[in-house]
């Protein structure tokens, strides 16, 4: 958790407009996850575009404003918060429409 927070702090010093986070909470404890989620939300609230790539569906559904799902290298669909469900994400992940 501390390693991820140090890396994020270095990036934040660069005043980014876009942050791309690939599996930002993999292998860290629940407390550190909550801190990273809070930081991601604060960045988004400040106008920074935060793109999170994660294989943890609960995490994606829990912290996202929109979800883009890919199938065979292409975006198969984009879900707004009102349409978030594990079923909709899984349907798009296998190339079907919800």
PDB file of N, CA and C in Angstrom:
ATOM      1  N   UNK A   1       0.790  -1.193   0.000  1.00  0.00           N
ATOM      2  CA  UNK A   1       0.000   0.000   0.000  1.00  0.00           C
ATOM      3  C   UNK A   1       0.836   1.263   0.000  1.00  0.00           C
ATOM      4  N   UNK A   2       1.902   1.273   0.811  1.00  0.00           N
ATOM      5  CA  UNK A   2       2.741   2.470   0.879  1.00  0.00           C
ATOM      6  C   UNK A   2       3.435   2.735  -0.446  1.00  0.00           C
ATOM      7  N   UNK A   3       3.850   1.676  -1.123  1.00  0.00           N
ATOM      8  CA  UNK A   3       4.535   1.843  -2.410  1.00  0.00           C
ATOM      9  C   UNK A   3       3.601   2.507  -3.431  1.00  0.00           C
ATOM     10  N   UNK A   4       2.356   2.053  -3.494  1.00  0.00           N
ATOM     11  CA  UNK A   4       1.402   2.660  -4.419  1.00  0.00           C
ATOM     12  C   UNK A   4       1.164   4.125  -4.075  1.00  0.00           C
ATOM     13  N   UNK A   5       1.071   4.424  -2.774  1.00  0.00           N
ATOM     14  CA  UNK A   5       0.821   5.807  -2.361  1.00  0.00           C
ATOM     15  C   UNK A   5       2.001   6.710  -2.704  1.00  0.00           C
ATOM     16  N   UNK A   6       3.226   6.204  -2.584  1.00  0.00           N
ATOM     17  CA  UNK A   6       4.408   6.994  -2.939  1.00  0.00           C
ATOM     18  C   UNK A   6       4.410   7.291  -4.435  1.00  0.00           C
ATOM     19  N   UNK A   7       4.105   6.284  -5.239  1.00  0.00           N
ATOM     20  CA  UNK A   7       4.061   6.480  -6.694  1.00  0.00           C
ATOM     21  C   UNK A   7       2.988   7.503  -7.052  1.00  0.00           C
ATOM     22  N   UNK A   8       1.802   7.378  -6.454  1.00  0.00           N
ATOM     23  CA  UNK A   8       0.732   8.344  -6.722  1.00  0.00           C
ATOM     24  C   UNK A   8       1.149   9.753  -6.322  1.00  0.00           C
ATOM     25  N   UNK A   9       1.818   9.895  -5.194  1.00  0.00           N
ATOM     26  CA  UNK A   9       2.259  11.219  -4.740  1.00  0.00           C
ATOM     27  C   UNK A   9       3.222  11.841  -5.745  1.00  0.00           C
ATOM     28  N   UNK A  10       4.130  11.043  -6.295  1.00  0.00           N
ATOM     29  CA  UNK A  10       5.070  11.555  -7.308  1.00  0.00           C
ATOM     30  C   UNK A  10       4.314  12.038  -8.544  1.00  0.00           C
ATOM     31  N   UNK A  11       3.331  11.263  -8.968  1.00  0.00           N
ATOM     32  CA  UNK A  11       2.562  11.653 -10.149  1.00  0.00           C
ATOM     33  C   UNK A  11       1.754  12.916  -9.885  1.00  0.00           C
ATOM     34  N   UNK A  12       1.192  13.017  -8.687  1.00  0.00           N
ATOM     35  CA  UNK A  12       0.374  14.188  -8.359  1.00  0.00           C
ATOM     36  C   UNK A  12       1.194  15.467  -8.370  1.00  0.00           C
ATOM     37  N   UNK A  13       2.471  15.362  -8.043  1.00  0.00           N
ATOM     38  CA  UNK A  13       3.346  16.531  -8.056  1.00  0.00           C
ATOM     39  C   UNK A  13       3.490  17.099  -9.465  1.00  0.00           C
ATOM     40  N   UNK A  14       3.166  16.305 -10.471  1.00  0.00           N
ATOM     41  CA  UNK A  14       3.281  16.738 -11.866  1.00  0.00           C
ATOM     42  C   UNK A  14       2.005  17.421 -12.355  1.00  0.00           C
ATOM     43  N   UNK A  15       0.996  17.580 -11.485  1.00  0.00           N
ATOM     44  CA  UNK A  15      -0.278  18.229 -11.811  1.00  0.00           C
ATOM     45  C   UNK A  15      -0.902  17.636 -13.082  1.00  0.00           C
ATOM     46  N   UNK A  16      -1.208  16.334 -13.048  1.00  0.00           N
ATOM     47  CA  UNK A  16      -1.716  15.677 -14.255  1.00  0.00           C
ATOM     48  C   UNK A  16      -3.144  16.080 -14.595  1.00  0.00           C
ATOM     49  N   UNK A  17      -3.483  15.969 -15.859  1.00  0.00           N
ATOM     50  CA  UNK A  17      -4.858  16.160 -16.320  1.00  0.00           C
ATOM     51  C   UNK A  17      -5.551  14.806 -16.478  1.00  0.00           C
ATOM     52  N   UNK A  18      -4.741  13.759 -16.676  1.00  0.00           N
ATOM     53  CA  UNK A  18      -5.239  12.395 -16.833  1.00  0.00           C
ATOM     54  C   UNK A  18      -4.358  11.467 -16.004  1.00  0.00           C
ATOM     55  N   UNK A  19      -4.982  10.549 -15.275  1.00  0.00           N
ATOM     56  CA  UNK A  19      -4.245   9.517 -14.530  1.00  0.00           C
ATOM     57  C   UNK A  19      -4.743   8.165 -15.027  1.00  0.00           C
ATOM     58  N   UNK A  20      -3.811   7.303 -15.448  1.00  0.00           N
ATOM     59  CA  UNK A  20      -4.152   5.944 -15.853  1.00  0.00           C
ATOM     60  C   UNK A  20      -3.589   5.015 -14.790  1.00  0.00           C
ATOM     61  N   UNK A  21      -4.476   4.308 -14.097  1.00  0.00           N
ATOM     62  CA  UNK A  21      -4.086   3.442 -12.990  1.00  0.00           C
ATOM     63  C   UNK A  21      -4.412   1.997 -13.351  1.00  0.00           C
ATOM     64  N   UNK A  22      -3.387   1.166 -13.468  1.00  0.00           N
ATOM     65  CA  UNK A  22      -3.556  -0.239 -13.827  1.00  0.00           C
ATOM     66  C   UNK A  22      -3.473  -1.085 -12.563  1.00  0.00           C
ATOM     67  N   UNK A  23      -4.600  -1.681 -12.168  1.00  0.00           N
ATOM     68  CA  UNK A  23      -4.693  -2.507 -10.960  1.00  0.00           C
ATOM     69  C   UNK A  23      -4.095  -1.771  -9.747  1.00  0.00           C
ATOM     70  N   UNK A  24      -4.592  -0.571  -9.438  1.00  0.00           N
ATOM     71  CA  UNK A  24      -3.969   0.247  -8.391  1.00  0.00           C
ATOM     72  C   UNK A  24      -4.063  -0.320  -6.981  1.00  0.00           C
ATOM     73  N   UNK A  25      -4.971  -1.261  -6.742  1.00  0.00           N
ATOM     74  CA  UNK A  25      -5.126  -1.776  -5.378  1.00  0.00           C
ATOM     75  C   UNK A  25      -4.799  -3.257  -5.256  1.00  0.00           C
ATOM     76  N   UNK A  26      -4.206  -3.829  -6.263  1.00  0.00           N
ATOM     77  CA  UNK A  26      -3.869  -5.255  -6.199  1.00  0.00           C
ATOM     78  C   UNK A  26      -2.833  -5.485  -5.100  1.00  0.00           C
ATOM     79  N   UNK A  27      -3.130  -6.438  -4.244  1.00  0.00           N
ATOM     80  CA  UNK A  27      -2.169  -6.859  -3.234  1.00  0.00           C
ATOM     81  C   UNK A  27      -2.006  -5.935  -2.046  1.00  0.00           C
ATOM     82  N   UNK A  28      -2.947  -5.030  -1.815  1.00  0.00           N
ATOM     83  CA  UNK A  28      -2.821  -4.143  -0.659  1.00  0.00           C
ATOM     84  C   UNK A  28      -3.995  -4.357   0.291  1.00  0.00           C
ATOM     85  N   UNK A  29      -3.816  -3.913   1.541  1.00  0.00           N
ATOM     86  CA  UNK A  29      -4.850  -4.147   2.548  1.00  0.00           C
ATOM     87  C   UNK A  29      -6.037  -3.206   2.362  1.00  0.00           C
ATOM     88  N   UNK A  30      -7.110  -3.509   3.068  1.00  0.00           N
ATOM     89  CA  UNK A  30      -8.370  -2.773   2.914  1.00  0.00           C
ATOM     90  C   UNK A  30      -8.209  -1.294   3.248  1.00  0.00           C
ATOM     91  N   UNK A  31      -7.440  -0.981   4.292  1.00  0.00           N
ATOM     92  CA  UNK A  31      -7.243   0.421   4.675  1.00  0.00           C
ATOM     93  C   UNK A  31      -6.543   1.217   3.589  1.00  0.00           C
ATOM     94  N   UNK A  32      -5.496   0.629   3.000  1.00  0.00           N
ATOM     95  CA  UNK A  32      -4.770   1.307   1.923  1.00  0.00           C
ATOM     96  C   UNK A  32      -5.658   1.449   0.688  1.00  0.00           C
ATOM     97  N   UNK A  33      -6.503   0.441   0.423  1.00  0.00           N
ATOM     98  CA  UNK A  33      -7.439   0.535  -0.703  1.00  0.00           C
ATOM     99  C   UNK A  33      -8.359   1.733  -0.518  1.00  0.00           C
ATOM    100  N   UNK A  34      -8.894   1.877   0.689  1.00  0.00           N
ATOM    101  CA  UNK A  34      -9.812   2.989   0.961  1.00  0.00           C
ATOM    102  C   UNK A  34      -9.123   4.327   0.733  1.00  0.00           C
ATOM    103  N   UNK A  35      -7.849   4.431   1.134  1.00  0.00           N
ATOM    104  CA  UNK A  35      -7.105   5.679   0.913  1.00  0.00           C
ATOM    105  C   UNK A  35      -6.932   5.957  -0.572  1.00  0.00           C
ATOM    106  N   UNK A  36      -6.605   4.932  -1.336  1.00  0.00           N
ATOM    107  CA  UNK A  36      -6.411   5.116  -2.777  1.00  0.00           C
ATOM    108  C   UNK A  36      -7.737   5.470  -3.445  1.00  0.00           C
ATOM    109  N   UNK A  37      -8.833   4.820  -3.048  1.00  0.00           N
ATOM    110  CA  UNK A  37     -10.148   5.170  -3.598  1.00  0.00           C
ATOM    111  C   UNK A  37     -10.488   6.625  -3.290  1.00  0.00           C
ATOM    112  N   UNK A  38     -10.193   7.062  -2.065  1.00  0.00           N
ATOM    113  CA  UNK A  38     -10.458   8.454  -1.689  1.00  0.00           C
ATOM    114  C   UNK A  38      -9.652   9.422  -2.529  1.00  0.00           C
ATOM    115  N   UNK A  39      -8.397   9.082  -2.778  1.00  0.00           N
ATOM    116  CA  UNK A  39      -7.539   9.925  -3.607  1.00  0.00           C
ATOM    117  C   UNK A  39      -8.059   9.976  -5.042  1.00  0.00           C
ATOM    118  N   UNK A  40      -8.473   8.828  -5.561  1.00  0.00           N
ATOM    119  CA  UNK A  40      -9.017   8.792  -6.922  1.00  0.00           C
ATOM    120  C   UNK A  40     -10.265   9.665  -7.020  1.00  0.00           C
ATOM    121  N   UNK A  41     -11.145   9.593  -6.026  1.00  0.00           N
ATOM    122  CA  UNK A  41     -12.366  10.404  -6.021  1.00  0.00           C
ATOM    123  C   UNK A  41     -12.018  11.884  -5.943  1.00  0.00           C
ATOM    124  N   UNK A  42     -11.043  12.242  -5.092  1.00  0.00           N
ATOM    125  CA  UNK A  42     -10.640  13.647  -4.961  1.00  0.00           C
ATOM    126  C   UNK A  42     -10.077  14.170  -6.277  1.00  0.00           C
ATOM    127  N   UNK A  43      -9.290  13.347  -6.963  1.00  0.00           N
ATOM    128  CA  UNK A  43      -8.743  13.747  -8.261  1.00  0.00           C
ATOM    129  C   UNK A  43      -9.870  13.991  -9.260  1.00  0.00           C
ATOM    130  N   UNK A  44     -10.814  13.056  -9.328  1.00  0.00           N
ATOM    131  CA  UNK A  44     -11.936  13.202 -10.259  1.00  0.00           C
ATOM    132  C   UNK A  44     -12.745  14.451  -9.930  1.00  0.00           C
ATOM    133  N   UNK A  45     -12.977  14.691  -8.638  1.00  0.00           N
ATOM    134  CA  UNK A  45     -13.731  15.881  -8.225  1.00  0.00           C
ATOM    135  C   UNK A  45     -12.996  17.170  -8.582  1.00  0.00           C
ATOM    136  N   UNK A  46     -11.652  17.084  -8.685  1.00  0.00           N
ATOM    137  CA  UNK A  46     -10.838  18.252  -9.034  1.00  0.00           C
ATOM    138  C   UNK A  46     -10.682  18.412 -10.545  1.00  0.00           C
ATOM    139  N   UNK A  47     -11.348  17.542 -11.323  1.00  0.00           N
ATOM    140  CA  UNK A  47     -11.308  17.684 -12.771  1.00  0.00           C
ATOM    141  C   UNK A  47     -10.281  16.829 -13.480  1.00  0.00           C
ATOM    142  N   UNK A  48      -9.568  15.983 -12.746  1.00  0.00           N
ATOM    143  CA  UNK A  48      -8.598  15.082 -13.368  1.00  0.00           C
ATOM    144  C   UNK A  48      -9.359  13.866 -13.905  1.00  0.00           C
ATOM    145  N   UNK A  49      -9.071  13.478 -15.134  1.00  0.00           N
ATOM    146  CA  UNK A  49      -9.671  12.268 -15.698  1.00  0.00           C
ATOM    147  C   UNK A  49      -8.918  11.071 -15.132  1.00  0.00           C
ATOM    148  N   UNK A  50      -9.621  10.180 -14.449  1.00  0.00           N
ATOM    149  CA  UNK A  50      -9.000   9.004 -13.835  1.00  0.00           C
ATOM    150  C   UNK A  50      -9.492   7.770 -14.583  1.00  0.00           C
ATOM    151  N   UNK A  51      -8.550   7.075 -15.222  1.00  0.00           N
ATOM    152  CA  UNK A  51      -8.855   5.843 -15.937  1.00  0.00           C
ATOM    153  C   UNK A  51      -8.267   4.700 -15.125  1.00  0.00           C
ATOM    154  N   UNK A  52      -9.139   3.859 -14.571  1.00  0.00           N
ATOM    155  CA  UNK A  52      -8.686   2.734 -13.762  1.00  0.00           C
ATOM    156  C   UNK A  52      -8.918   1.446 -14.532  1.00  0.00           C
ATOM    157  N   UNK A  53      -7.881   0.640 -14.624  1.00  0.00           N
ATOM    158  CA  UNK A  53      -7.967  -0.672 -15.246  1.00  0.00           C
ATOM    159  C   UNK A  53      -7.916  -1.673 -14.101  1.00  0.00           C
ATOM    160  N   UNK A  54      -8.931  -2.524 -14.001  1.00  0.00           N
ATOM    161  CA  UNK A  54      -8.984  -3.462 -12.885  1.00  0.00           C
ATOM    162  C   UNK A  54      -9.727  -4.719 -13.290  1.00  0.00           C
ATOM    163  N   UNK A  55      -9.259  -5.848 -12.776  1.00  0.00           N
ATOM    164  CA  UNK A  55      -9.950  -7.118 -12.994  1.00  0.00           C
ATOM    165  C   UNK A  55     -10.922  -7.415 -11.856  1.00  0.00           C
ATOM    166  N   UNK A  56     -10.975  -6.548 -10.851  1.00  0.00           N
ATOM    167  CA  UNK A  56     -11.861  -6.715  -9.697  1.00  0.00           C
ATOM    168  C   UNK A  56     -13.185  -6.016  -9.988  1.00  0.00           C
ATOM    169  N   UNK A  57     -14.199  -6.798 -10.386  1.00  0.00           N
ATOM    170  CA  UNK A  57     -15.467  -6.207 -10.812  1.00  0.00           C
ATOM    171  C   UNK A  57     -16.136  -5.404  -9.698  1.00  0.00           C
ATOM    172  N   UNK A  58     -16.105  -5.902  -8.466  1.00  0.00           N
ATOM    173  CA  UNK A  58     -16.710  -5.157  -7.358  1.00  0.00           C
ATOM    174  C   UNK A  58     -16.036  -3.801  -7.191  1.00  0.00           C
ATOM    175  N   UNK A  59     -14.712  -3.772  -7.334  1.00  0.00           N
ATOM    176  CA  UNK A  59     -13.966  -2.522  -7.231  1.00  0.00           C
ATOM    177  C   UNK A  59     -14.396  -1.561  -8.337  1.00  0.00           C
ATOM    178  N   UNK A  60     -14.445  -2.051  -9.550  1.00  0.00           N
ATOM    179  CA  UNK A  60     -14.813  -1.210 -10.690  1.00  0.00           C
ATOM    180  C   UNK A  60     -16.214  -0.633 -10.498  1.00  0.00           C
ATOM    181  N   UNK A  61     -17.166  -1.484 -10.134  1.00  0.00           N
ATOM    182  CA  UNK A  61     -18.542  -1.023  -9.935  1.00  0.00           C
ATOM    183  C   UNK A  61     -18.622  -0.046  -8.765  1.00  0.00           C
ATOM    184  N   UNK A  62     -17.829  -0.277  -7.731  1.00  0.00           N
ATOM    185  CA  UNK A  62     -17.895   0.547  -6.531  1.00  0.00           C
ATOM    186  C   UNK A  62     -17.308   1.933  -6.649  1.00  0.00           C
ATOM    187  N   UNK A  63     -16.328   2.128  -7.527  1.00  0.00           N
ATOM    188  CA  UNK A  63     -15.642   3.429  -7.557  1.00  0.00           C
ATOM    189  C   UNK A  63     -15.788   4.194  -8.869  1.00  0.00           C
ATOM    190  N   UNK A  64     -16.436   3.606  -9.846  1.00  0.00           N
ATOM    191  CA  UNK A  64     -16.475   4.229 -11.173  1.00  0.00           C
ATOM    192  C   UNK A  64     -17.689   5.121 -11.383  1.00  0.00           C
ATOM    193  N   UNK A  65     -17.514   6.106 -12.261  1.00  0.00           N
ATOM    194  CA  UNK A  65     -18.627   6.920 -12.747  1.00  0.00           C
ATOM    195  C   UNK A  65     -19.182   6.333 -14.044  1.00  0.00           C
ATOM    196  N   UNK A  66     -18.284   5.728 -14.835  1.00  0.00           N
ATOM    197  CA  UNK A  66     -18.640   5.030 -16.073  1.00  0.00           C
ATOM    198  C   UNK A  66     -17.709   3.836 -16.198  1.00  0.00           C
ATOM    199  N   UNK A  67     -18.179   2.804 -16.866  1.00  0.00           N
ATOM    200  CA  UNK A  67     -17.361   1.613 -17.092  1.00  0.00           C
ATOM    201  C   UNK A  67     -17.339   1.321 -18.587  1.00  0.00           C
ATOM    202  N   UNK A  68     -16.144   1.228 -19.152  1.00  0.00           N
ATOM    203  CA  UNK A  68     -15.972   0.775 -20.533  1.00  0.00           C
ATOM    204  C   UNK A  68     -15.507  -0.679 -20.456  1.00  0.00           C
ATOM    205  N   UNK A  69     -16.213  -1.557 -21.152  1.00  0.00           N
ATOM    206  CA  UNK A  69     -15.903  -2.983 -21.123  1.00  0.00           C
ATOM    207  C   UNK A  69     -15.346  -3.379 -22.483  1.00  0.00           C
ATOM    208  N   UNK A  70     -14.287  -4.192 -22.462  1.00  0.00           N
ATOM    209  CA  UNK A  70     -13.665  -4.625 -23.711  1.00  0.00           C
ATOM    210  C   UNK A  70     -13.920  -6.103 -23.962  1.00  0.00           C
ATOM    211  N   UNK A  71     -13.999  -6.439 -25.241  1.00  0.00           N
ATOM    212  CA  UNK A  71     -14.133  -7.825 -25.699  1.00  0.00           C
ATOM    213  C   UNK A  71     -13.303  -7.956 -26.965  1.00  0.00           C
ATOM    214  N   UNK A  72     -12.366  -8.896 -26.965  1.00  0.00           N
ATOM    215  CA  UNK A  72     -11.498  -9.152 -28.114  1.00  0.00           C
ATOM    216  C   UNK A  72     -10.816  -7.888 -28.624  1.00  0.00           C
ATOM    217  N   UNK A  73     -10.299  -7.077 -27.693  1.00  0.00           N
ATOM    218  CA  UNK A  73      -9.520  -5.897 -28.057  1.00  0.00           C
ATOM    219  C   UNK A  73     -10.315  -4.674 -28.465  1.00  0.00           C
ATOM    220  N   UNK A  74     -11.630  -4.745 -28.401  1.00  0.00           N
ATOM    221  CA  UNK A  74     -12.492  -3.627 -28.779  1.00  0.00           C
ATOM    222  C   UNK A  74     -13.402  -3.260 -27.610  1.00  0.00           C
ATOM    223  N   UNK A  75     -13.776  -1.991 -27.530  1.00  0.00           N
ATOM    224  CA  UNK A  75     -14.756  -1.591 -26.520  1.00  0.00           C
ATOM    225  C   UNK A  75     -16.114  -2.126 -26.963  1.00  0.00           C
ATOM    226  N   UNK A  76     -16.671  -3.012 -26.152  1.00  0.00           N
ATOM    227  CA  UNK A  76     -17.965  -3.615 -26.502  1.00  0.00           C
ATOM    228  C   UNK A  76     -19.135  -2.820 -25.941  1.00  0.00           C
ATOM    229  N   UNK A  77     -18.851  -1.920 -24.997  1.00  0.00           N
ATOM    230  CA  UNK A  77     -19.911  -1.085 -24.460  1.00  0.00           C
ATOM    231  C   UNK A  77     -19.421  -0.203 -23.338  1.00  0.00           C
ATOM    232  N   UNK A  78     -20.161   0.862 -23.095  1.00  0.00           N
ATOM    233  CA  UNK A  78     -19.866   1.785 -21.999  1.00  0.00           C
ATOM    234  C   UNK A  78     -21.130   1.895 -21.159  1.00  0.00           C
ATOM    235  N   UNK A  79     -20.976   1.670 -19.865  1.00  0.00           N
ATOM    236  CA  UNK A  79     -22.111   1.713 -18.945  1.00  0.00           C
ATOM    237  C   UNK A  79     -22.044   2.960 -18.079  1.00  0.00           C
ATOM    238  N   UNK A  80     -23.181   3.643 -17.943  1.00  0.00           N
ATOM    239  CA  UNK A  80     -23.306   4.734 -16.980  1.00  0.00           C
ATOM    240  C   UNK A  80     -23.691   4.131 -15.636  1.00  0.00           C
ATOM    241  N   UNK A  81     -23.485   4.897 -14.575  1.00  0.00           N
ATOM    242  CA  UNK A  81     -23.680   4.400 -13.215  1.00  0.00           C
ATOM    243  C   UNK A  81     -25.047   3.732 -13.018  1.00  0.00           C
ATOM    244  N   UNK A  82     -26.093   4.279 -13.620  1.00  0.00           N
ATOM    245  CA  UNK A  82     -27.433   3.704 -13.465  1.00  0.00           C
ATOM    246  C   UNK A  82     -27.542   2.296 -14.049  1.00  0.00           C
ATOM    247  N   UNK A  83     -26.636   1.940 -14.954  1.00  0.00           N
ATOM    248  CA  UNK A  83     -26.680   0.636 -15.615  1.00  0.00           C
ATOM    249  C   UNK A  83     -25.664  -0.357 -15.067  1.00  0.00           C
ATOM    250  N   UNK A  84     -24.928   0.032 -14.005  1.00  0.00           N
ATOM    251  CA  UNK A  84     -23.912  -0.854 -13.442  1.00  0.00           C
ATOM    252  C   UNK A  84     -24.556  -2.094 -12.828  1.00  0.00           C
ATOM    253  N   UNK A  85     -24.088  -3.248 -13.238  1.00  0.00           N
ATOM    254  CA  UNK A  85     -24.415  -4.515 -12.585  1.00  0.00           C
ATOM    255  C   UNK A  85     -23.381  -5.521 -13.058  1.00  0.00           C
ATOM    256  N   UNK A  86     -23.155  -6.543 -12.250  1.00  0.00           N
ATOM    257  CA  UNK A  86     -22.221  -7.579 -12.670  1.00  0.00           C
ATOM    258  C   UNK A  86     -22.720  -8.240 -13.948  1.00  0.00           C
ATOM    259  N   UNK A  87     -24.024  -8.435 -14.052  1.00  0.00           N
ATOM    260  CA  UNK A  87     -24.592  -9.067 -15.243  1.00  0.00           C
ATOM    261  C   UNK A  87     -24.295  -8.249 -16.501  1.00  0.00           C
ATOM    262  N   UNK A  88     -24.509  -6.935 -16.460  1.00  0.00           N
ATOM    263  CA  UNK A  88     -24.257  -6.095 -17.636  1.00  0.00           C
ATOM    264  C   UNK A  88     -22.783  -6.094 -18.015  1.00  0.00           C
ATOM    265  N   UNK A  89     -21.900  -6.033 -17.026  1.00  0.00           N
ATOM    266  CA  UNK A  89     -20.464  -6.056 -17.307  1.00  0.00           C
ATOM    267  C   UNK A  89     -20.087  -7.384 -17.948  1.00  0.00           C
ATOM    268  N   UNK A  90     -20.574  -8.484 -17.393  1.00  0.00           N
ATOM    269  CA  UNK A  90     -20.243  -9.802 -17.943  1.00  0.00           C
ATOM    270  C   UNK A  90     -20.791  -9.991 -19.354  1.00  0.00           C
ATOM    271  N   UNK A  91     -22.002  -9.527 -19.612  1.00  0.00           N
ATOM    272  CA  UNK A  91     -22.556  -9.631 -20.969  1.00  0.00           C
ATOM    273  C   UNK A  91     -21.666  -8.906 -21.972  1.00  0.00           C
ATOM    274  N   UNK A  92     -21.259  -7.684 -21.641  1.00  0.00           N
ATOM    275  CA  UNK A  92     -20.383  -6.929 -22.541  1.00  0.00           C
ATOM    276  C   UNK A  92     -19.024  -7.607 -22.687  1.00  0.00           C
ATOM    277  N   UNK A  93     -18.534  -8.210 -21.606  1.00  0.00           N
ATOM    278  CA  UNK A  93     -17.222  -8.865 -21.643  1.00  0.00           C
ATOM    279  C   UNK A  93     -17.199 -10.072 -22.573  1.00  0.00           C
ATOM    280  N   UNK A  94     -18.360 -10.668 -22.810  1.00  0.00           N
ATOM    281  CA  UNK A  94     -18.423 -11.801 -23.743  1.00  0.00           C
ATOM    282  C   UNK A  94     -18.991 -11.392 -25.099  1.00  0.00           C
ATOM    283  N   UNK A  95     -19.104 -10.080 -25.326  1.00  0.00           N
ATOM    284  CA  UNK A  95     -19.503  -9.578 -26.633  1.00  0.00           C
ATOM    285  C   UNK A  95     -20.994  -9.458 -26.863  1.00  0.00           C
ATOM    286  N   UNK A  96     -21.786  -9.544 -25.798  1.00  0.00           N
ATOM    287  CA  UNK A  96     -23.244  -9.414 -25.940  1.00  0.00           C
ATOM    288  C   UNK A  96     -23.689  -8.073 -25.387  1.00  0.00           C
ATOM    289  N   UNK A  97     -24.858  -7.641 -25.790  1.00  0.00           N
ATOM    290  CA  UNK A  97     -25.416  -6.379 -25.304  1.00  0.00           C
ATOM    291  C   UNK A  97     -26.343  -6.655 -24.127  1.00  0.00           C
ATOM    292  N   UNK A  98     -26.286  -5.812 -23.099  1.00  0.00           N
ATOM    293  CA  UNK A  98     -27.181  -6.007 -21.947  1.00  0.00           C
ATOM    294  C   UNK A  98     -28.626  -5.678 -22.288  1.00  0.00           C
TER     295      UNK A  98
END
